[in-house]
N, C-alpha and C. Protein backbone atom coordinates (compact mmCIF):
# COMPACT_ATOMS: atom_id res chain seq x y z
N MET A 1 6.03 -14.76 20.42
CA MET A 1 6.19 -13.61 19.44
C MET A 1 7.57 -12.97 19.43
N LYS A 2 8.51 -13.58 20.32
CA LYS A 2 9.72 -13.05 20.52
C LYS A 2 10.63 -12.98 19.19
N GLN A 3 10.22 -13.85 18.24
CA GLN A 3 10.99 -13.90 17.05
C GLN A 3 10.84 -12.51 16.23
N TYR A 4 9.93 -11.65 16.59
CA TYR A 4 9.67 -10.48 15.85
C TYR A 4 10.30 -9.37 16.64
N ASN A 5 10.92 -9.50 17.78
CA ASN A 5 11.53 -8.38 18.49
C ASN A 5 12.55 -7.58 17.69
N SER A 6 13.38 -8.41 17.06
CA SER A 6 14.54 -7.73 16.43
C SER A 6 14.08 -6.73 15.16
N ILE A 7 12.98 -7.45 14.54
CA ILE A 7 12.31 -6.64 13.46
C ILE A 7 11.65 -5.35 13.94
N ILE A 8 10.93 -5.42 15.11
CA ILE A 8 10.26 -4.30 15.66
C ILE A 8 11.25 -3.13 16.04
N LYS A 9 12.44 -3.66 16.56
CA LYS A 9 13.38 -2.67 17.15
C LYS A 9 14.02 -1.92 16.08
N ASN A 10 13.97 -2.58 14.75
CA ASN A 10 14.71 -2.00 13.65
C ASN A 10 13.78 -1.27 12.69
N THR A 11 12.46 -1.14 12.96
CA THR A 11 11.51 -0.48 12.10
C THR A 11 11.98 1.01 12.06
N THR A 12 11.73 1.62 10.95
CA THR A 12 12.07 3.11 10.88
C THR A 12 11.27 3.99 11.71
N LEU A 13 10.00 3.66 12.04
CA LEU A 13 9.32 4.55 12.86
C LEU A 13 9.80 4.41 14.37
N LEU A 14 10.07 3.18 14.85
CA LEU A 14 10.44 3.00 16.31
C LEU A 14 11.78 2.99 16.53
N ARG A 15 12.59 3.32 15.47
CA ARG A 15 14.14 3.44 15.78
C ARG A 15 14.58 4.51 16.79
N PRO A 16 13.90 5.67 16.77
CA PRO A 16 14.30 6.64 17.75
C PRO A 16 14.14 6.08 19.23
N LEU A 17 13.10 5.19 19.53
CA LEU A 17 12.95 4.65 20.81
C LEU A 17 14.04 3.83 21.21
N SER A 18 14.44 3.69 22.65
CA SER A 18 15.46 2.79 23.01
C SER A 18 14.96 1.43 22.98
N ASP A 19 15.90 0.59 22.86
CA ASP A 19 15.53 -1.00 22.80
C ASP A 19 14.85 -1.35 24.23
N GLU A 20 15.40 -0.67 25.28
CA GLU A 20 14.62 -0.95 26.73
C GLU A 20 13.17 -0.40 26.62
N ASN A 21 12.95 0.76 26.07
CA ASN A 21 11.56 1.28 26.03
C ASN A 21 10.60 0.22 25.15
N ILE A 22 11.15 -0.16 23.97
CA ILE A 22 10.35 -1.02 23.17
C ILE A 22 10.10 -2.36 23.85
N GLN A 23 11.10 -2.90 24.62
CA GLN A 23 10.98 -4.17 25.21
C GLN A 23 10.08 -4.03 26.28
N THR A 24 10.10 -3.02 27.06
CA THR A 24 9.17 -2.82 28.16
C THR A 24 7.69 -2.75 27.62
N ASN A 25 7.34 -2.04 26.45
CA ASN A 25 6.14 -1.93 26.00
C ASN A 25 5.63 -3.26 25.41
N LEU A 26 6.60 -4.06 24.94
CA LEU A 26 6.20 -5.43 24.45
C LEU A 26 5.82 -6.35 25.68
N ASP A 27 6.66 -6.25 26.71
CA ASP A 27 6.38 -7.08 27.77
C ASP A 27 5.08 -6.80 28.59
N ASN A 28 4.73 -5.53 28.53
CA ASN A 28 3.47 -5.18 29.28
C ASN A 28 2.19 -5.21 28.39
N GLY A 29 2.50 -5.46 27.25
CA GLY A 29 1.31 -5.66 26.25
C GLY A 29 0.84 -4.42 25.57
N ARG A 30 1.55 -3.16 25.84
CA ARG A 30 1.21 -1.99 25.18
C ARG A 30 1.60 -2.00 23.75
N PHE A 31 2.50 -2.77 23.26
CA PHE A 31 2.86 -3.16 21.91
C PHE A 31 2.40 -4.50 21.84
N ARG A 32 1.66 -4.83 20.63
CA ARG A 32 1.08 -6.21 20.61
C ARG A 32 1.30 -6.59 19.07
N VAL A 33 1.75 -7.86 18.91
CA VAL A 33 2.01 -8.50 17.53
C VAL A 33 0.84 -9.44 17.21
N VAL A 34 0.10 -9.13 16.04
CA VAL A 34 -0.95 -9.86 15.66
C VAL A 34 -0.74 -10.43 14.33
N LEU A 35 -1.12 -11.67 14.21
CA LEU A 35 -0.77 -12.47 12.96
C LEU A 35 -2.12 -12.74 12.00
N TYR A 36 -1.84 -12.51 10.78
CA TYR A 36 -2.96 -12.63 9.77
C TYR A 36 -2.71 -13.67 8.77
N GLU A 37 -3.54 -14.47 8.44
CA GLU A 37 -3.42 -15.46 7.41
C GLU A 37 -3.55 -14.72 6.07
N LYS A 38 -3.09 -15.37 4.99
CA LYS A 38 -3.24 -14.97 3.56
C LYS A 38 -4.74 -14.58 3.32
N LYS A 39 -5.01 -13.47 2.59
CA LYS A 39 -6.32 -13.04 2.31
C LYS A 39 -7.24 -12.91 3.39
N SER A 40 -6.79 -12.36 4.37
CA SER A 40 -7.62 -11.97 5.54
C SER A 40 -7.93 -10.46 5.50
N VAL A 41 -9.14 -10.12 6.10
CA VAL A 41 -9.32 -8.72 6.09
C VAL A 41 -8.81 -8.16 7.39
N VAL A 42 -8.09 -7.06 7.27
CA VAL A 42 -7.46 -6.30 8.43
C VAL A 42 -8.45 -5.31 8.98
N HIS A 43 -9.01 -4.44 8.02
CA HIS A 43 -10.00 -3.52 8.32
C HIS A 43 -10.99 -3.43 7.28
N PHE A 44 -12.22 -3.37 7.60
CA PHE A 44 -13.42 -3.14 6.65
C PHE A 44 -13.55 -1.65 6.25
N ASP A 45 -14.02 -1.36 5.12
CA ASP A 45 -14.46 -0.06 4.68
C ASP A 45 -15.36 0.51 5.81
N GLY A 46 -15.06 1.62 6.36
CA GLY A 46 -15.95 2.28 7.35
C GLY A 46 -15.53 1.91 8.86
N GLU A 47 -14.67 0.94 8.92
CA GLU A 47 -14.31 0.64 10.30
C GLU A 47 -13.52 1.82 11.13
N GLN A 48 -13.72 1.93 12.33
CA GLN A 48 -13.07 3.04 12.98
C GLN A 48 -11.57 2.65 13.25
N CYS A 49 -10.80 3.55 13.03
CA CYS A 49 -9.25 3.43 13.42
C CYS A 49 -8.85 3.85 14.78
N HIS A 50 -8.45 3.03 15.55
CA HIS A 50 -8.17 3.18 17.01
C HIS A 50 -6.79 2.88 17.37
N LYS A 51 -5.95 2.42 16.35
CA LYS A 51 -4.61 1.96 16.73
C LYS A 51 -3.72 2.30 15.47
N LEU A 52 -2.40 2.54 15.69
CA LEU A 52 -1.40 2.49 14.65
C LEU A 52 -0.95 1.20 14.54
N GLU A 53 -0.70 0.68 13.28
CA GLU A 53 -0.18 -0.60 12.92
C GLU A 53 0.95 -0.61 12.11
N ILE A 54 2.08 -1.24 12.54
CA ILE A 54 3.35 -1.38 11.77
C ILE A 54 3.39 -2.78 11.10
N ILE A 55 3.51 -2.79 9.79
CA ILE A 55 3.75 -4.14 9.15
C ILE A 55 5.14 -4.59 9.43
N LEU A 56 5.18 -5.85 10.00
CA LEU A 56 6.40 -6.41 10.22
C LEU A 56 7.00 -7.41 9.19
N THR A 57 6.01 -8.15 8.71
CA THR A 57 6.38 -9.00 7.64
C THR A 57 5.12 -9.26 6.78
N GLY A 58 5.19 -9.65 5.47
CA GLY A 58 4.00 -9.88 4.80
C GLY A 58 3.67 -8.78 3.74
N LYS A 59 2.36 -8.77 3.27
CA LYS A 59 2.00 -7.79 2.22
C LYS A 59 0.57 -7.44 2.46
N VAL A 60 0.25 -6.09 2.45
CA VAL A 60 -1.20 -5.76 2.63
C VAL A 60 -1.67 -4.91 1.52
N PHE A 61 -2.83 -5.00 1.13
CA PHE A 61 -3.49 -4.32 0.00
C PHE A 61 -4.64 -3.31 0.66
N VAL A 62 -4.77 -2.08 0.00
CA VAL A 62 -5.80 -1.24 0.32
C VAL A 62 -6.70 -1.17 -0.98
N GLU A 63 -7.97 -1.56 -0.95
CA GLU A 63 -8.79 -1.74 -2.04
C GLU A 63 -10.06 -1.08 -1.90
N ARG A 64 -10.74 -0.83 -2.98
CA ARG A 64 -12.18 -0.32 -2.96
C ARG A 64 -12.91 -1.04 -4.23
N ILE A 65 -14.22 -1.02 -4.01
CA ILE A 65 -15.02 -1.50 -5.07
C ILE A 65 -15.70 -0.34 -5.77
N ASP A 66 -15.58 -0.30 -7.13
CA ASP A 66 -16.13 0.88 -7.92
C ASP A 66 -17.60 0.67 -8.17
N GLU A 67 -18.23 1.66 -8.84
CA GLU A 67 -19.65 1.55 -9.07
C GLU A 67 -20.17 0.43 -9.90
N ALA A 68 -19.21 -0.12 -10.71
CA ALA A 68 -19.44 -1.17 -11.58
C ALA A 68 -19.18 -2.54 -10.85
N GLY A 69 -18.82 -2.57 -9.67
CA GLY A 69 -18.63 -3.76 -8.85
C GLY A 69 -17.16 -4.32 -9.03
N ASN A 70 -16.26 -3.53 -9.69
CA ASN A 70 -14.95 -3.93 -9.94
C ASN A 70 -14.05 -3.74 -8.57
N LEU A 71 -13.13 -4.70 -8.24
CA LEU A 71 -12.32 -4.42 -7.13
C LEU A 71 -11.07 -3.76 -7.66
N LEU A 72 -10.76 -2.54 -7.12
CA LEU A 72 -9.60 -1.75 -7.40
C LEU A 72 -8.49 -1.63 -6.33
N THR A 73 -7.32 -2.20 -6.57
CA THR A 73 -6.30 -2.04 -5.74
C THR A 73 -5.72 -0.71 -5.70
N ILE A 74 -5.74 0.09 -4.64
CA ILE A 74 -5.32 1.46 -4.55
C ILE A 74 -3.78 1.38 -4.29
N SER A 75 -3.43 0.67 -3.22
CA SER A 75 -2.05 0.69 -2.92
C SER A 75 -1.64 -0.57 -2.32
N GLU A 76 -0.40 -0.85 -2.20
CA GLU A 76 0.12 -2.10 -1.57
C GLU A 76 1.14 -1.70 -0.48
N PHE A 77 1.19 -2.33 0.52
CA PHE A 77 2.07 -2.02 1.74
C PHE A 77 2.87 -3.28 2.14
N TYR A 78 4.09 -3.05 2.55
CA TYR A 78 5.01 -4.03 2.81
C TYR A 78 5.71 -3.90 4.25
N SER A 79 6.57 -4.72 4.62
CA SER A 79 7.30 -4.58 5.81
C SER A 79 7.85 -3.13 6.11
N ASP A 80 7.68 -2.57 7.23
CA ASP A 80 8.02 -1.33 7.63
C ASP A 80 7.10 -0.23 7.32
N ASP A 81 6.01 -0.49 6.53
CA ASP A 81 4.99 0.46 6.17
C ASP A 81 4.10 0.43 7.43
N ILE A 82 3.14 1.59 7.64
CA ILE A 82 2.28 1.69 8.62
C ILE A 82 0.75 1.84 8.08
N LEU A 83 -0.14 1.46 8.92
CA LEU A 83 -1.51 1.67 8.67
C LEU A 83 -2.12 2.60 9.72
N GLY A 84 -3.02 3.36 9.35
CA GLY A 84 -3.74 4.25 10.34
C GLY A 84 -3.10 5.48 10.69
N GLY A 85 -1.77 5.77 10.23
CA GLY A 85 -1.14 6.83 10.86
C GLY A 85 -1.78 8.22 10.57
N SER A 86 -2.45 8.41 9.42
CA SER A 86 -2.95 9.67 8.98
C SER A 86 -4.45 9.76 9.42
N LEU A 87 -5.13 8.61 10.02
CA LEU A 87 -6.40 8.65 10.39
C LEU A 87 -6.55 8.67 11.91
N LEU A 88 -5.56 8.21 12.65
CA LEU A 88 -5.74 7.95 14.04
C LEU A 88 -6.18 9.19 14.80
N PHE A 89 -5.73 10.37 14.51
CA PHE A 89 -6.02 11.54 15.28
C PHE A 89 -7.04 12.41 14.47
N SER A 90 -7.64 11.98 13.39
CA SER A 90 -8.57 12.70 12.59
C SER A 90 -9.91 12.86 13.30
N LYS A 91 -10.71 13.87 12.92
CA LYS A 91 -11.96 14.02 13.33
C LYS A 91 -12.89 12.92 12.92
N SER A 92 -12.61 12.27 11.71
CA SER A 92 -13.26 11.23 11.17
C SER A 92 -12.34 9.98 10.94
N PRO A 93 -12.08 9.31 11.99
CA PRO A 93 -11.00 8.35 11.94
C PRO A 93 -11.56 6.93 11.56
N TYR A 94 -12.06 6.95 10.28
CA TYR A 94 -12.63 5.77 9.72
C TYR A 94 -11.94 5.39 8.56
N TYR A 95 -11.68 4.02 8.21
CA TYR A 95 -10.96 3.65 7.07
C TYR A 95 -12.01 3.74 5.82
N PRO A 96 -11.44 4.45 4.79
CA PRO A 96 -12.44 4.68 3.69
C PRO A 96 -12.37 3.66 2.67
N MET A 97 -11.56 2.66 2.94
CA MET A 97 -11.49 1.49 1.97
C MET A 97 -11.06 0.13 2.72
N THR A 98 -11.31 -0.89 2.15
CA THR A 98 -10.89 -2.22 2.81
C THR A 98 -9.40 -2.43 2.71
N VAL A 99 -8.88 -2.94 3.83
CA VAL A 99 -7.48 -3.27 4.02
C VAL A 99 -7.52 -4.85 4.22
N SER A 100 -6.65 -5.52 3.49
CA SER A 100 -6.57 -7.01 3.56
C SER A 100 -5.09 -7.52 3.22
N THR A 101 -4.96 -8.60 3.60
CA THR A 101 -3.54 -9.21 3.32
C THR A 101 -3.45 -10.04 2.08
N GLN A 102 -2.37 -9.93 1.41
CA GLN A 102 -2.12 -10.63 0.09
C GLN A 102 -1.24 -11.94 0.61
N LEU A 103 -0.49 -11.79 1.67
CA LEU A 103 0.38 -12.84 2.18
C LEU A 103 0.20 -13.09 3.67
N PRO A 104 0.63 -14.16 4.42
CA PRO A 104 0.60 -14.28 5.69
C PRO A 104 1.42 -12.96 6.25
N THR A 105 0.76 -12.25 7.22
CA THR A 105 1.34 -11.08 7.72
C THR A 105 1.33 -10.77 9.13
N ALA A 106 2.47 -10.28 9.61
CA ALA A 106 2.57 -9.93 11.12
C ALA A 106 2.46 -8.39 11.29
N ILE A 107 1.70 -8.02 12.13
CA ILE A 107 1.50 -6.52 12.29
C ILE A 107 1.65 -6.23 13.78
N LEU A 108 2.34 -5.20 14.14
CA LEU A 108 2.48 -4.50 15.35
C LEU A 108 1.41 -3.53 15.64
N GLU A 109 0.66 -3.71 16.67
CA GLU A 109 -0.39 -2.73 17.04
C GLU A 109 -0.03 -1.83 18.16
N ILE A 110 -0.29 -0.63 18.09
CA ILE A 110 0.00 0.36 19.18
C ILE A 110 -1.31 1.21 19.25
N ASP A 111 -2.06 1.07 20.52
CA ASP A 111 -3.18 1.91 20.66
C ASP A 111 -3.04 3.41 20.61
N ARG A 112 -4.11 3.96 20.31
CA ARG A 112 -3.94 5.56 20.14
C ARG A 112 -3.34 6.19 21.26
N ASP A 113 -3.90 5.87 22.62
CA ASP A 113 -3.43 6.58 23.92
C ASP A 113 -1.95 6.32 24.01
N VAL A 114 -1.50 5.05 23.85
CA VAL A 114 -0.06 4.71 24.03
C VAL A 114 0.67 5.46 23.01
N LEU A 115 0.28 5.48 21.75
CA LEU A 115 1.01 6.30 20.95
C LEU A 115 1.20 7.71 21.21
N PHE A 116 0.04 8.50 21.75
CA PHE A 116 0.05 9.78 22.09
C PHE A 116 0.97 9.97 23.17
N GLU A 117 1.02 9.14 24.14
CA GLU A 117 1.95 9.28 25.38
C GLU A 117 3.37 9.22 24.80
N LEU A 118 3.73 8.22 23.89
CA LEU A 118 5.10 8.21 23.32
C LEU A 118 5.50 9.47 22.61
N LEU A 119 4.62 10.02 21.83
CA LEU A 119 4.79 11.28 21.05
C LEU A 119 5.00 12.58 21.92
N CYS A 120 4.33 12.51 23.04
CA CYS A 120 4.44 13.64 23.99
C CYS A 120 5.75 13.54 24.62
N HIS A 121 6.47 12.55 24.92
CA HIS A 121 7.58 12.38 25.84
C HIS A 121 8.81 12.13 24.99
N ASP A 122 8.77 12.07 23.61
CA ASP A 122 10.03 11.77 22.87
C ASP A 122 9.95 12.60 21.61
N SER A 123 10.67 13.76 21.62
CA SER A 123 10.61 14.75 20.42
C SER A 123 11.21 14.06 19.15
N ALA A 124 12.24 13.15 19.35
CA ALA A 124 12.83 12.51 18.06
C ALA A 124 11.85 11.57 17.59
N PHE A 125 11.05 10.85 18.39
CA PHE A 125 9.98 9.89 17.98
C PHE A 125 8.90 10.69 17.23
N LEU A 126 8.56 11.92 17.84
CA LEU A 126 7.52 12.68 17.29
C LEU A 126 7.91 13.13 15.98
N ARG A 127 9.15 13.63 15.83
CA ARG A 127 9.57 14.18 14.53
C ARG A 127 9.48 13.07 13.39
N THR A 128 10.02 11.88 13.80
CA THR A 128 10.04 10.66 12.86
C THR A 128 8.61 10.32 12.40
N TYR A 129 7.68 10.36 13.51
CA TYR A 129 6.35 9.89 13.19
C TYR A 129 5.71 10.92 12.17
N LEU A 130 5.95 12.18 12.48
CA LEU A 130 5.23 13.29 11.52
C LEU A 130 5.84 13.08 10.14
N GLY A 131 7.07 12.99 9.90
CA GLY A 131 7.62 12.75 8.56
C GLY A 131 7.17 11.44 7.89
N PHE A 132 7.07 10.54 8.65
CA PHE A 132 6.59 9.27 8.22
C PHE A 132 5.23 9.23 7.68
N VAL A 133 4.40 9.86 8.36
CA VAL A 133 2.92 9.87 8.05
C VAL A 133 2.76 10.78 6.88
N SER A 134 3.44 11.86 6.87
CA SER A 134 3.30 12.85 5.77
C SER A 134 3.86 12.17 4.47
N ASP A 135 4.96 11.49 4.50
CA ASP A 135 5.44 10.80 3.31
C ASP A 135 4.47 9.70 2.74
N ARG A 136 3.76 8.94 3.77
CA ARG A 136 2.96 7.83 3.22
C ARG A 136 1.64 8.47 2.65
N ALA A 137 1.22 9.59 3.27
CA ALA A 137 -0.10 10.23 2.72
C ALA A 137 0.22 10.85 1.36
N PHE A 138 1.33 11.26 1.14
CA PHE A 138 1.68 11.73 -0.29
C PHE A 138 1.76 10.64 -1.18
N ILE A 139 2.39 9.53 -0.83
CA ILE A 139 2.48 8.40 -1.78
C ILE A 139 1.09 7.91 -2.09
N LEU A 140 0.15 7.75 -1.02
CA LEU A 140 -1.19 7.18 -1.41
C LEU A 140 -1.95 8.23 -2.18
N GLY A 141 -1.76 9.48 -1.88
CA GLY A 141 -2.41 10.55 -2.76
C GLY A 141 -2.00 10.34 -4.18
N ASN A 142 -0.79 10.20 -4.54
CA ASN A 142 -0.27 9.92 -5.90
C ASN A 142 -0.87 8.61 -6.48
N LYS A 143 -1.10 7.72 -5.67
CA LYS A 143 -1.56 6.45 -6.15
C LYS A 143 -3.08 6.66 -6.56
N LEU A 144 -3.86 7.40 -5.69
CA LEU A 144 -5.26 7.70 -6.07
C LEU A 144 -5.41 8.47 -7.40
N LYS A 145 -4.55 9.44 -7.54
CA LYS A 145 -4.57 10.31 -8.70
C LYS A 145 -4.33 9.45 -9.94
N GLN A 146 -3.60 8.53 -9.87
CA GLN A 146 -3.37 7.55 -10.99
C GLN A 146 -4.54 6.85 -11.64
N TYR A 147 -5.52 6.55 -10.69
CA TYR A 147 -6.64 5.58 -11.07
C TYR A 147 -7.94 6.18 -11.11
N VAL A 148 -8.11 7.13 -10.09
CA VAL A 148 -9.62 7.78 -9.90
C VAL A 148 -9.88 8.74 -11.03
N ASN A 149 -11.09 8.51 -11.62
CA ASN A 149 -11.65 9.43 -12.59
C ASN A 149 -10.80 9.29 -14.03
N LYS A 150 -10.25 8.10 -14.19
CA LYS A 150 -9.45 8.09 -15.53
C LYS A 150 -10.15 6.91 -16.32
N THR A 151 -9.96 7.08 -17.70
CA THR A 151 -10.60 6.01 -18.47
C THR A 151 -9.67 4.80 -18.26
N MET A 152 -10.15 3.55 -18.89
CA MET A 152 -9.25 2.38 -18.77
C MET A 152 -7.95 2.55 -19.37
N ARG A 153 -8.00 3.24 -20.58
CA ARG A 153 -6.72 3.60 -21.34
C ARG A 153 -5.75 4.40 -20.61
N GLU A 154 -6.34 5.34 -20.04
CA GLU A 154 -5.42 6.29 -19.24
C GLU A 154 -4.79 5.56 -18.08
N SER A 155 -5.51 4.78 -17.42
CA SER A 155 -5.11 3.97 -16.25
C SER A 155 -4.08 2.97 -16.65
N ILE A 156 -4.20 2.37 -17.74
CA ILE A 156 -3.14 1.42 -18.37
C ILE A 156 -1.88 2.20 -18.67
N MET A 157 -2.08 3.35 -19.30
CA MET A 157 -0.93 4.26 -19.67
C MET A 157 -0.17 4.71 -18.49
N SER A 158 -0.89 5.19 -17.47
CA SER A 158 -0.22 5.57 -16.28
C SER A 158 0.63 4.46 -15.54
N TYR A 159 0.06 3.33 -15.60
CA TYR A 159 0.77 2.01 -15.03
C TYR A 159 2.00 1.72 -15.99
N LEU A 160 1.83 1.88 -17.25
CA LEU A 160 3.03 1.67 -18.14
C LEU A 160 4.02 2.72 -18.04
N ASP A 161 3.62 3.95 -17.92
CA ASP A 161 4.59 5.08 -17.69
C ASP A 161 5.34 4.92 -16.44
N TYR A 162 4.68 4.45 -15.42
CA TYR A 162 5.33 4.22 -14.07
C TYR A 162 6.41 3.12 -14.22
N GLU A 163 6.01 2.00 -14.89
CA GLU A 163 6.86 0.91 -15.06
C GLU A 163 8.10 1.31 -15.95
N CYS A 164 7.83 2.03 -16.96
CA CYS A 164 8.85 2.53 -17.87
C CYS A 164 9.97 3.19 -17.09
N LYS A 165 9.58 4.11 -16.29
CA LYS A 165 10.51 4.85 -15.40
C LYS A 165 11.27 3.99 -14.34
N LYS A 166 10.52 3.05 -13.93
CA LYS A 166 11.03 2.18 -12.71
C LYS A 166 12.00 1.25 -13.50
N GLN A 167 11.83 0.79 -14.72
CA GLN A 167 12.60 -0.27 -15.21
C GLN A 167 13.70 0.41 -16.21
N ASN A 168 13.47 1.83 -16.43
CA ASN A 168 14.30 2.53 -17.37
C ASN A 168 14.36 1.95 -18.73
N SER A 169 13.15 1.62 -19.21
CA SER A 169 13.09 1.03 -20.49
C SER A 169 11.55 1.09 -20.89
N ASN A 170 11.40 1.23 -22.28
CA ASN A 170 10.07 1.25 -22.69
C ASN A 170 9.61 -0.38 -23.00
N HIS A 171 10.61 -1.25 -22.82
CA HIS A 171 10.27 -2.66 -23.01
C HIS A 171 10.03 -3.26 -21.57
N ILE A 172 8.84 -3.30 -21.19
CA ILE A 172 8.46 -3.71 -19.75
C ILE A 172 8.39 -5.13 -19.44
N LYS A 173 9.08 -5.60 -18.62
CA LYS A 173 8.94 -6.96 -18.24
C LYS A 173 7.71 -7.06 -17.03
N LEU A 174 6.69 -7.67 -17.24
CA LEU A 174 5.56 -7.64 -16.37
C LEU A 174 5.93 -8.66 -15.11
N ASP A 175 5.86 -8.11 -13.98
CA ASP A 175 6.10 -8.96 -12.78
C ASP A 175 4.87 -9.47 -12.11
N ILE A 176 3.61 -9.15 -12.77
CA ILE A 176 2.31 -9.59 -12.39
C ILE A 176 1.55 -10.20 -13.56
N THR A 177 0.58 -10.94 -13.20
CA THR A 177 -0.17 -11.60 -14.42
C THR A 177 -1.10 -10.44 -14.86
N LYS A 178 -1.65 -10.65 -16.07
CA LYS A 178 -2.70 -9.66 -16.56
C LYS A 178 -3.97 -9.65 -15.74
N THR A 179 -4.30 -10.80 -15.13
CA THR A 179 -5.39 -10.82 -14.17
C THR A 179 -5.11 -9.89 -13.07
N ALA A 180 -3.93 -9.86 -12.56
CA ALA A 180 -3.47 -9.11 -11.35
C ALA A 180 -3.47 -7.54 -11.87
N LEU A 181 -3.11 -7.42 -13.18
CA LEU A 181 -2.88 -5.98 -13.66
C LEU A 181 -4.39 -5.45 -13.73
N ALA A 182 -5.41 -6.22 -14.22
CA ALA A 182 -6.76 -5.90 -14.40
C ALA A 182 -7.33 -5.49 -13.01
N LYS A 183 -7.09 -6.26 -11.96
CA LYS A 183 -7.44 -5.94 -10.69
C LYS A 183 -6.80 -4.74 -10.12
N LYS A 184 -5.58 -4.51 -10.45
CA LYS A 184 -4.83 -3.32 -10.01
C LYS A 184 -5.54 -2.04 -10.52
N ILE A 185 -6.00 -2.03 -11.76
CA ILE A 185 -6.63 -0.89 -12.38
C ILE A 185 -8.13 -0.85 -12.29
N GLY A 186 -8.67 -1.86 -11.60
CA GLY A 186 -10.11 -1.87 -11.35
C GLY A 186 -11.03 -2.24 -12.48
N VAL A 187 -10.56 -3.15 -13.42
CA VAL A 187 -11.38 -3.64 -14.54
C VAL A 187 -11.43 -5.17 -14.64
N GLN A 188 -12.28 -5.64 -15.44
CA GLN A 188 -12.34 -7.08 -15.69
C GLN A 188 -11.19 -7.55 -16.58
N ARG A 189 -10.71 -8.85 -16.49
CA ARG A 189 -9.64 -9.36 -17.23
C ARG A 189 -10.04 -9.38 -18.65
N THR A 190 -11.25 -9.59 -19.04
CA THR A 190 -11.51 -9.66 -20.52
C THR A 190 -11.48 -8.16 -20.94
N SER A 191 -12.03 -7.16 -20.24
CA SER A 191 -11.90 -5.72 -20.57
C SER A 191 -10.53 -5.40 -20.84
N LEU A 192 -9.69 -5.72 -19.99
CA LEU A 192 -8.20 -5.35 -20.10
C LEU A 192 -7.62 -5.84 -21.45
N SER A 193 -7.88 -7.06 -21.79
CA SER A 193 -7.40 -7.82 -22.92
C SER A 193 -7.99 -7.14 -24.25
N ARG A 194 -9.20 -6.70 -24.18
CA ARG A 194 -9.79 -5.96 -25.36
C ARG A 194 -9.12 -4.62 -25.49
N GLU A 195 -8.89 -3.90 -24.39
CA GLU A 195 -8.27 -2.61 -24.47
C GLU A 195 -6.85 -2.64 -24.92
N LEU A 196 -6.15 -3.63 -24.44
CA LEU A 196 -4.69 -3.80 -24.96
C LEU A 196 -4.67 -4.06 -26.47
N ALA A 197 -5.64 -4.93 -26.83
CA ALA A 197 -5.62 -5.26 -28.25
C ALA A 197 -5.93 -3.87 -29.15
N LYS A 198 -6.85 -3.12 -28.52
CA LYS A 198 -7.12 -1.78 -29.32
C LYS A 198 -5.85 -0.88 -29.27
N MET A 199 -5.15 -0.88 -28.21
CA MET A 199 -4.04 -0.09 -28.10
C MET A 199 -2.93 -0.47 -29.07
N ARG A 200 -2.84 -1.84 -29.27
CA ARG A 200 -1.79 -2.42 -30.06
C ARG A 200 -2.28 -1.97 -31.68
N LYS A 201 -3.54 -2.03 -31.89
CA LYS A 201 -4.02 -1.68 -33.18
C LYS A 201 -3.87 -0.17 -33.45
N ASP A 202 -4.00 0.68 -32.44
CA ASP A 202 -3.68 2.05 -32.58
C ASP A 202 -2.24 2.49 -32.57
N GLY A 203 -1.40 1.48 -32.39
CA GLY A 203 0.04 1.73 -32.58
C GLY A 203 0.73 2.23 -31.38
N LEU A 204 0.05 2.08 -30.19
CA LEU A 204 0.65 2.44 -28.91
C LEU A 204 1.55 1.62 -28.27
N ILE A 205 1.17 0.20 -28.43
CA ILE A 205 1.93 -0.86 -27.66
C ILE A 205 2.20 -2.09 -28.46
N LEU A 206 3.03 -2.94 -28.14
CA LEU A 206 3.24 -4.27 -28.50
C LEU A 206 3.25 -5.09 -27.25
N PHE A 207 2.76 -6.37 -27.34
CA PHE A 207 2.73 -7.17 -26.03
C PHE A 207 2.67 -8.60 -26.27
N ASN A 208 3.24 -9.43 -25.28
CA ASN A 208 3.00 -10.86 -25.43
C ASN A 208 2.62 -11.20 -23.82
N ASN A 209 2.80 -12.49 -23.60
CA ASN A 209 2.38 -12.85 -22.13
C ASN A 209 3.27 -12.37 -21.11
N ASP A 210 4.47 -11.99 -21.42
CA ASP A 210 5.33 -11.56 -20.38
C ASP A 210 5.76 -10.18 -20.49
N THR A 211 5.61 -9.47 -21.51
CA THR A 211 6.21 -8.07 -21.72
C THR A 211 5.10 -7.16 -22.47
N ILE A 212 5.24 -5.92 -22.14
CA ILE A 212 4.59 -5.01 -23.05
C ILE A 212 5.56 -3.84 -23.45
N THR A 213 5.61 -3.51 -24.68
CA THR A 213 6.40 -2.52 -25.14
C THR A 213 5.72 -1.30 -25.40
N LEU A 214 6.06 -0.18 -24.78
CA LEU A 214 5.44 1.14 -25.09
C LEU A 214 6.21 1.71 -26.34
N LEU A 215 5.48 1.89 -27.41
CA LEU A 215 6.22 2.37 -28.60
C LEU A 215 6.64 3.88 -28.34
N LYS A 216 7.72 4.17 -29.11
CA LYS A 216 8.35 5.51 -28.94
C LYS A 216 7.43 6.68 -28.99
N ASP A 217 6.55 6.59 -29.97
CA ASP A 217 5.62 7.90 -30.10
C ASP A 217 4.86 8.16 -28.88
N SER A 218 4.58 7.20 -28.08
CA SER A 218 3.86 7.35 -26.91
C SER A 218 4.69 7.38 -25.66
N TYR A 219 5.97 6.88 -25.69
CA TYR A 219 6.82 6.79 -24.45
C TYR A 219 7.36 8.08 -24.09
N GLY A 220 6.97 8.53 -22.86
CA GLY A 220 7.59 9.77 -22.34
C GLY A 220 6.65 11.02 -22.60
N ASP A 221 5.52 10.70 -23.17
CA ASP A 221 4.42 11.81 -23.54
C ASP A 221 3.99 12.44 -22.19
């Protein structure tokens, strides 16, 4: 696992710690690197959280199944993101959704007691941890607001509005398939296609296989 040492020492969260401190914890097993294959479950819905995890490489999804049985992707996490930070010291430290890998993924695990010891003995690390966890909780909260309790059209429009701002254009180049988009907003592929057709008929969008254009009357509303 030595090939991950350089990545570990350069993660945003662990950067306040000295290289010697990090290496000592790796050598004595207090920091552990775990490898997951593509499409592996990292945590099940309801599983207890007892360690902090830092994603070193790969891609992780947080997902839930709605009442209709559709799989909804709530958020995506990449290298340098963390899992369990806001749950670890909670009175109810249980994952509320399933966490799984989209790609082969390497994750650094730090047990709760080890993390607590580090936080108590290094104020710079404590400050970084608190800021990191707060920022991630805010991002995840915004993601939830985008999709929970919204109609399909509202969810599609939220996604399109986000992409318009990200790409600085109302002519959006899709970097995912429509099947992946349907999964992201928690609907069936056929349902998404029907709603997109209705939105085109209503003069809200134009689309083809690779792009969706949000028309001026709806762009920026």
